[in-house]
N, C-alpha and C. Protein backbone atom coordinates (compact mmCIF):
# COMPACT_ATOMS: atom_id res chain seq x y z
N MET A 1 2.24 37.86 21.31
CA MET A 1 2.19 39.03 20.21
C MET A 1 0.48 38.84 20.02
N LYS A 2 -0.22 38.02 20.01
CA LYS A 2 -1.65 37.96 19.84
C LYS A 2 -2.47 38.87 20.66
N TYR A 3 -1.72 38.80 21.87
CA TYR A 3 -2.44 39.53 23.04
C TYR A 3 -2.31 41.13 22.61
N LEU A 4 -1.10 41.46 22.61
CA LEU A 4 -0.76 42.78 22.34
C LEU A 4 -1.62 43.32 21.10
N LYS A 5 -1.98 42.64 19.99
CA LYS A 5 -2.54 43.01 18.80
C LYS A 5 -3.99 43.16 19.25
N GLN A 6 -4.60 42.33 20.01
CA GLN A 6 -6.11 42.62 20.23
C GLN A 6 -6.19 43.48 21.26
N PHE A 7 -5.44 43.69 22.17
CA PHE A 7 -5.29 44.99 23.36
C PHE A 7 -5.41 46.16 22.61
N PHE A 8 -4.19 46.03 21.39
CA PHE A 8 -4.32 47.36 20.65
C PHE A 8 -5.46 47.63 20.01
N LEU A 9 -6.35 46.67 19.46
CA LEU A 9 -7.33 46.84 18.65
C LEU A 9 -8.51 47.53 19.59
N ILE A 10 -8.62 46.80 20.74
CA ILE A 10 -9.49 47.58 21.76
C ILE A 10 -9.27 48.90 22.21
N ILE A 11 -7.99 49.05 22.29
CA ILE A 11 -7.38 50.49 22.59
C ILE A 11 -7.93 51.79 21.55
N VAL A 12 -7.68 51.19 20.42
CA VAL A 12 -7.88 52.02 19.35
C VAL A 12 -9.52 52.18 19.22
N ILE A 13 -10.13 51.35 19.53
CA ILE A 13 -11.70 51.52 19.34
C ILE A 13 -11.85 52.42 20.60
N SER A 14 -11.43 52.20 21.70
CA SER A 14 -11.66 53.05 22.97
C SER A 14 -11.29 54.62 22.67
N PHE A 15 -10.23 54.59 21.87
CA PHE A 15 -9.79 55.99 21.42
C PHE A 15 -10.80 56.81 20.52
N PHE A 16 -11.42 56.02 19.68
CA PHE A 16 -12.46 56.55 18.91
C PHE A 16 -13.60 56.83 19.69
N GLY A 17 -13.86 56.14 20.78
CA GLY A 17 -14.73 56.67 21.74
C GLY A 17 -14.72 57.92 22.57
N GLU A 18 -13.28 58.04 22.57
CA GLU A 18 -13.10 59.28 23.27
C GLU A 18 -13.33 60.30 22.27
N LEU A 19 -12.95 60.26 21.04
CA LEU A 19 -12.99 61.11 19.99
C LEU A 19 -14.78 61.40 19.98
N LEU A 20 -15.33 60.57 20.08
CA LEU A 20 -16.83 60.88 19.84
C LEU A 20 -17.40 61.56 20.91
N HIS A 21 -16.89 61.15 21.96
CA HIS A 21 -17.30 62.11 23.45
C HIS A 21 -16.80 63.51 23.24
N TRP A 22 -15.64 63.88 22.55
CA TRP A 22 -15.27 64.92 22.28
C TRP A 22 -15.86 65.59 21.56
N VAL A 23 -16.58 65.19 20.41
CA VAL A 23 -17.25 65.87 19.17
C VAL A 23 -18.73 65.92 19.63
N ILE A 24 -19.28 64.80 19.97
CA ILE A 24 -20.81 64.72 20.45
C ILE A 24 -20.87 65.28 21.75
N PRO A 25 -21.76 66.67 22.02
CA PRO A 25 -21.86 67.44 23.11
C PRO A 25 -23.19 66.65 23.86
N LEU A 26 -22.99 65.31 24.17
CA LEU A 26 -24.02 64.67 25.08
C LEU A 26 -23.41 64.02 26.47
N PRO A 27 -24.02 64.12 27.57
CA PRO A 27 -23.59 63.56 28.58
C PRO A 27 -23.33 62.22 29.04
N ILE A 28 -22.46 61.46 27.84
CA ILE A 28 -22.48 60.13 27.75
C ILE A 28 -20.84 59.77 27.89
N PRO A 29 -20.44 58.87 28.85
CA PRO A 29 -18.88 58.96 29.05
C PRO A 29 -18.57 58.25 27.64
N ALA A 30 -17.21 58.59 27.51
CA ALA A 30 -16.39 58.20 26.30
C ALA A 30 -16.58 56.50 26.41
N SER A 31 -16.08 55.93 27.43
CA SER A 31 -16.29 54.34 27.51
C SER A 31 -17.43 53.73 26.84
N ILE A 32 -18.67 54.52 27.11
CA ILE A 32 -19.72 53.87 26.66
C ILE A 32 -20.02 53.87 24.88
N TYR A 33 -19.19 55.13 24.63
CA TYR A 33 -18.96 55.20 23.21
C TYR A 33 -18.24 54.17 22.52
N GLY A 34 -17.23 54.00 23.23
CA GLY A 34 -16.38 52.82 22.76
C GLY A 34 -16.87 51.57 22.68
N ILE A 35 -17.68 51.22 23.84
CA ILE A 35 -18.47 50.00 23.96
C ILE A 35 -19.39 49.81 22.72
N ILE A 36 -20.12 50.70 22.40
CA ILE A 36 -20.75 50.80 21.40
C ILE A 36 -20.41 50.50 20.08
N LEU A 37 -19.19 51.24 19.69
CA LEU A 37 -18.36 51.10 18.60
C LEU A 37 -18.01 49.83 18.48
N LEU A 38 -17.56 49.08 19.49
CA LEU A 38 -16.70 47.73 19.46
C LEU A 38 -18.12 46.57 19.27
N PHE A 39 -19.31 47.01 20.08
CA PHE A 39 -20.26 46.17 19.50
C PHE A 39 -20.74 46.10 18.23
N THR A 40 -20.72 47.35 17.81
CA THR A 40 -21.28 47.40 16.29
C THR A 40 -20.21 46.81 15.38
N ALA A 41 -19.03 47.02 15.54
CA ALA A 41 -17.97 46.23 14.93
C ALA A 41 -18.19 44.83 14.92
N LEU A 42 -18.48 44.12 16.14
CA LEU A 42 -18.38 43.00 16.39
C LEU A 42 -19.77 42.34 15.38
N VAL A 43 -20.91 42.88 15.62
CA VAL A 43 -22.03 42.64 14.95
C VAL A 43 -22.09 42.69 13.48
N THR A 44 -21.34 43.62 13.01
CA THR A 44 -21.30 43.87 11.64
C THR A 44 -20.14 42.98 10.89
N GLY A 45 -19.35 42.50 11.67
CA GLY A 45 -18.38 41.55 11.31
C GLY A 45 -17.06 42.54 10.83
N LEU A 46 -17.23 43.56 11.07
CA LEU A 46 -15.91 44.55 10.78
C LEU A 46 -14.87 44.09 11.47
N VAL A 47 -15.20 43.66 12.82
CA VAL A 47 -13.81 43.15 13.75
C VAL A 47 -14.58 41.72 14.16
N PRO A 48 -13.85 40.59 13.60
CA PRO A 48 -14.24 39.31 14.11
C PRO A 48 -13.83 38.98 15.31
N LEU A 49 -14.95 38.33 16.08
CA LEU A 49 -14.64 38.07 17.52
C LEU A 49 -13.50 37.49 17.70
N ALA A 50 -12.90 36.61 17.00
CA ALA A 50 -11.56 36.14 17.10
C ALA A 50 -10.48 37.11 17.33
N ALA A 51 -10.88 38.51 16.98
CA ALA A 51 -9.59 39.24 16.95
C ALA A 51 -9.74 40.03 18.32
N VAL A 52 -10.57 39.76 19.27
CA VAL A 52 -10.64 40.61 20.35
C VAL A 52 -11.02 39.65 21.68
N LYS A 53 -11.25 38.13 21.23
CA LYS A 53 -11.95 37.28 22.44
C LYS A 53 -10.89 37.04 23.51
N GLU A 54 -9.77 36.73 23.32
CA GLU A 54 -9.04 36.25 24.39
C GLU A 54 -8.48 37.47 25.32
N THR A 55 -8.23 38.56 24.84
CA THR A 55 -7.94 39.72 25.68
C THR A 55 -9.29 40.18 26.36
N GLY A 56 -10.25 40.07 25.59
CA GLY A 56 -11.80 40.64 26.23
C GLY A 56 -11.92 39.50 27.31
N LYS A 57 -11.51 38.31 27.24
CA LYS A 57 -11.88 37.29 28.35
C LYS A 57 -11.22 37.91 29.69
N PHE A 58 -9.60 38.01 29.19
CA PHE A 58 -8.97 38.47 30.32
C PHE A 58 -9.24 39.58 31.04
N LEU A 59 -9.73 40.78 30.34
CA LEU A 59 -10.24 41.94 30.87
C LEU A 59 -11.28 41.70 31.83
N VAL A 60 -12.42 40.85 31.38
CA VAL A 60 -13.31 40.38 32.20
C VAL A 60 -12.87 39.83 33.60
N GLU A 61 -11.94 38.86 33.52
CA GLU A 61 -11.43 38.13 34.57
C GLU A 61 -10.77 38.69 35.52
N ILE A 62 -10.01 40.01 35.09
CA ILE A 62 -9.48 41.11 36.26
C ILE A 62 -10.39 42.13 36.33
N MET A 63 -11.71 42.25 36.16
CA MET A 63 -12.61 43.46 36.21
C MET A 63 -12.54 43.84 37.80
N PRO A 64 -12.75 42.67 38.73
CA PRO A 64 -12.78 42.95 40.02
C PRO A 64 -11.82 43.77 40.57
N VAL A 65 -10.36 43.43 40.37
CA VAL A 65 -9.35 44.42 40.41
C VAL A 65 -9.36 45.75 40.10
N MET A 66 -10.04 45.89 39.09
CA MET A 66 -10.33 47.32 38.67
C MET A 66 -11.31 48.27 39.55
N PHE A 67 -12.05 47.46 40.57
CA PHE A 67 -13.05 48.30 41.31
C PHE A 67 -12.19 48.41 42.73
N ILE A 68 -10.96 48.34 42.97
CA ILE A 68 -10.14 48.51 44.28
C ILE A 68 -9.90 49.99 44.05
N PRO A 69 -9.50 50.66 43.12
CA PRO A 69 -9.44 52.17 43.28
C PRO A 69 -10.50 53.08 43.78
N ALA A 70 -11.67 52.34 43.01
CA ALA A 70 -12.96 53.31 43.35
C ALA A 70 -13.48 52.96 45.11
N ALA A 71 -13.19 51.62 45.47
CA ALA A 71 -13.35 51.50 46.91
C ALA A 71 -12.45 52.26 47.84
N VAL A 72 -11.27 52.38 47.37
CA VAL A 72 -10.12 53.32 48.18
C VAL A 72 -10.78 54.56 48.24
N GLY A 73 -11.09 54.82 47.04
CA GLY A 73 -11.46 56.54 47.08
C GLY A 73 -12.72 56.68 47.85
N LEU A 74 -13.70 55.65 48.12
CA LEU A 74 -14.83 55.75 48.89
C LEU A 74 -14.54 55.79 50.32
N VAL A 75 -13.35 54.86 50.81
CA VAL A 75 -12.85 54.94 52.11
C VAL A 75 -12.02 56.26 52.44
N ASP A 76 -11.55 56.90 51.36
CA ASP A 76 -10.95 58.01 51.62
C ASP A 76 -11.66 59.30 51.69
N SER A 77 -12.78 59.02 51.14
CA SER A 77 -14.10 60.28 51.26
C SER A 77 -14.96 60.00 52.29
N TRP A 78 -14.83 58.84 53.24
CA TRP A 78 -15.54 58.89 54.38
C TRP A 78 -16.06 59.94 54.98
N PRO A 79 -15.08 60.82 55.58
CA PRO A 79 -15.42 61.99 56.19
C PRO A 79 -16.61 62.83 55.35
N LEU A 80 -16.64 63.06 54.19
CA LEU A 80 -17.47 63.68 53.44
C LEU A 80 -18.92 62.72 53.49
N LEU A 81 -18.66 61.52 53.33
CA LEU A 81 -19.92 60.61 53.19
C LEU A 81 -20.62 60.41 54.65
N ARG A 82 -19.96 60.62 55.44
CA ARG A 82 -20.38 60.06 56.78
C ARG A 82 -21.59 60.41 57.21
N GLU A 83 -22.16 61.53 56.82
CA GLU A 83 -23.45 62.42 57.40
C GLU A 83 -24.54 62.01 56.45
N SER A 84 -24.26 61.40 55.30
CA SER A 84 -25.37 60.89 54.41
C SER A 84 -25.11 59.76 53.70
N TRP A 85 -24.68 58.70 54.49
CA TRP A 85 -24.36 57.20 53.96
C TRP A 85 -25.74 56.47 53.80
N LEU A 86 -26.97 56.75 54.49
CA LEU A 86 -28.04 56.11 54.24
C LEU A 86 -28.70 56.29 52.96
N PRO A 87 -28.79 57.60 52.58
CA PRO A 87 -29.22 57.80 51.17
C PRO A 87 -28.34 57.10 50.09
N TYR A 88 -26.90 57.22 50.03
CA TYR A 88 -26.07 56.49 49.27
C TYR A 88 -26.48 55.20 49.10
N LEU A 89 -26.56 54.44 50.35
CA LEU A 89 -26.71 53.14 50.32
C LEU A 89 -28.17 52.73 49.70
N LEU A 90 -29.20 53.41 49.73
CA LEU A 90 -30.26 53.13 49.38
C LEU A 90 -30.42 53.17 48.02
N VAL A 91 -29.89 54.36 47.45
CA VAL A 91 -29.65 54.42 46.14
C VAL A 91 -28.98 53.31 45.22
N THR A 92 -27.97 53.01 45.70
CA THR A 92 -27.24 51.79 45.42
C THR A 92 -27.91 50.71 45.40
N PHE A 93 -28.71 50.12 46.27
CA PHE A 93 -29.28 49.13 46.58
C PHE A 93 -30.56 49.09 45.30
N VAL A 94 -31.09 50.19 45.41
CA VAL A 94 -32.27 50.35 44.39
C VAL A 94 -31.79 50.27 43.04
N THR A 95 -30.90 50.95 42.63
CA THR A 95 -30.26 50.86 41.29
C THR A 95 -29.65 49.61 41.06
N THR A 96 -28.99 48.85 41.85
CA THR A 96 -28.55 47.60 41.72
C THR A 96 -29.68 46.64 41.23
N VAL A 97 -30.56 46.56 42.35
CA VAL A 97 -31.81 45.75 41.91
C VAL A 97 -32.63 46.03 40.56
N ALA A 98 -32.62 47.31 40.27
CA ALA A 98 -33.19 47.76 38.89
C ALA A 98 -32.15 47.10 37.62
N VAL A 99 -31.19 47.44 37.95
CA VAL A 99 -30.19 46.95 36.79
C VAL A 99 -30.25 45.44 36.71
N MET A 100 -30.32 44.60 37.78
CA MET A 100 -30.38 43.11 37.79
C MET A 100 -31.46 42.97 37.07
N GLY A 101 -32.86 43.39 37.53
CA GLY A 101 -33.82 42.99 36.94
C GLY A 101 -34.21 43.46 35.28
N VAL A 102 -33.82 44.63 34.83
CA VAL A 102 -33.67 44.86 33.71
C VAL A 102 -32.88 43.88 32.68
N THR A 103 -31.65 43.64 33.28
CA THR A 103 -30.71 42.74 32.66
C THR A 103 -31.38 41.31 32.28
N GLY A 104 -32.17 40.95 33.47
CA GLY A 104 -32.90 39.63 33.36
C GLY A 104 -33.78 39.69 32.43
N LEU A 105 -34.67 40.67 32.20
CA LEU A 105 -35.68 40.82 31.07
C LEU A 105 -35.08 40.69 29.89
N VAL A 106 -34.06 41.62 29.51
CA VAL A 106 -33.38 41.83 28.35
C VAL A 106 -32.86 40.39 27.99
N THR A 107 -32.14 39.87 28.89
CA THR A 107 -31.54 38.36 28.52
C THR A 107 -32.49 37.47 28.34
N GLN A 108 -33.66 37.61 28.97
CA GLN A 108 -34.66 36.52 28.51
C GLN A 108 -35.28 36.83 27.28
N ALA A 109 -35.52 38.06 26.91
CA ALA A 109 -35.92 38.40 25.73
C ALA A 109 -35.04 38.06 24.47
N VAL A 110 -33.98 38.29 24.84
CA VAL A 110 -32.82 37.64 23.72
C VAL A 110 -32.82 36.25 23.34
N ILE A 111 -32.86 35.64 24.75
CA ILE A 111 -32.91 33.84 24.52
C ILE A 111 -34.00 33.72 23.60
N ARG A 112 -35.32 34.05 24.14
CA ARG A 112 -36.48 33.99 23.33
C ARG A 112 -36.59 34.15 21.89
N ALA A 113 -35.99 35.28 21.54
CA ALA A 113 -35.74 35.77 20.18
C ALA A 113 -34.97 34.69 19.42
N GLY A 114 -33.68 34.31 19.93
CA GLY A 114 -32.76 33.34 19.58
C GLY A 114 -33.32 32.08 19.15
N LYS A 115 -34.28 31.58 20.19
CA LYS A 115 -35.07 30.51 19.79
C LYS A 115 -36.05 30.37 18.92
N GLU A 116 -36.79 31.71 18.85
CA GLU A 116 -37.62 31.64 17.70
C GLU A 116 -37.01 31.62 16.40
N LYS A 117 -35.90 32.55 16.24
CA LYS A 117 -35.19 32.42 15.13
C LYS A 117 -34.54 31.06 14.62
N HIS A 118 -34.17 30.40 15.65
CA HIS A 118 -33.58 29.09 15.43
C HIS A 118 -34.68 28.17 14.97
N HIS A 119 -35.98 28.03 15.45
CA HIS A 119 -36.91 27.25 15.04
C HIS A 119 -37.46 27.51 13.69
N ASP A 120 -37.36 29.04 12.95
CA ASP A 120 -38.00 29.34 11.97
C ASP A 120 -36.94 28.94 10.84
């Protein structure tokens, strides 16, 4: 029952992300609004971490399975992609490296800030 409550809470927050996407005319996916709402609720303490921890961990563990439909879609679209596969591959590689680099820098900054806050 605990998992159902946690999953329901995540779904409700995702629904509010959908509502924000519908109300705010920006080209931002509804899932991003939902993530921002959940993050804000966790940081402010409105939603305690224990209220979503186990289900969040489960969802992260099964995340690779969620990429299967996208991969199947790419295979299904191969006739359209065949002529321009190199640009797609280059863009994918460059953006992946950029995201990894920025993520590493942000992580280092957060760790440093946490250490400085801990020493003060």
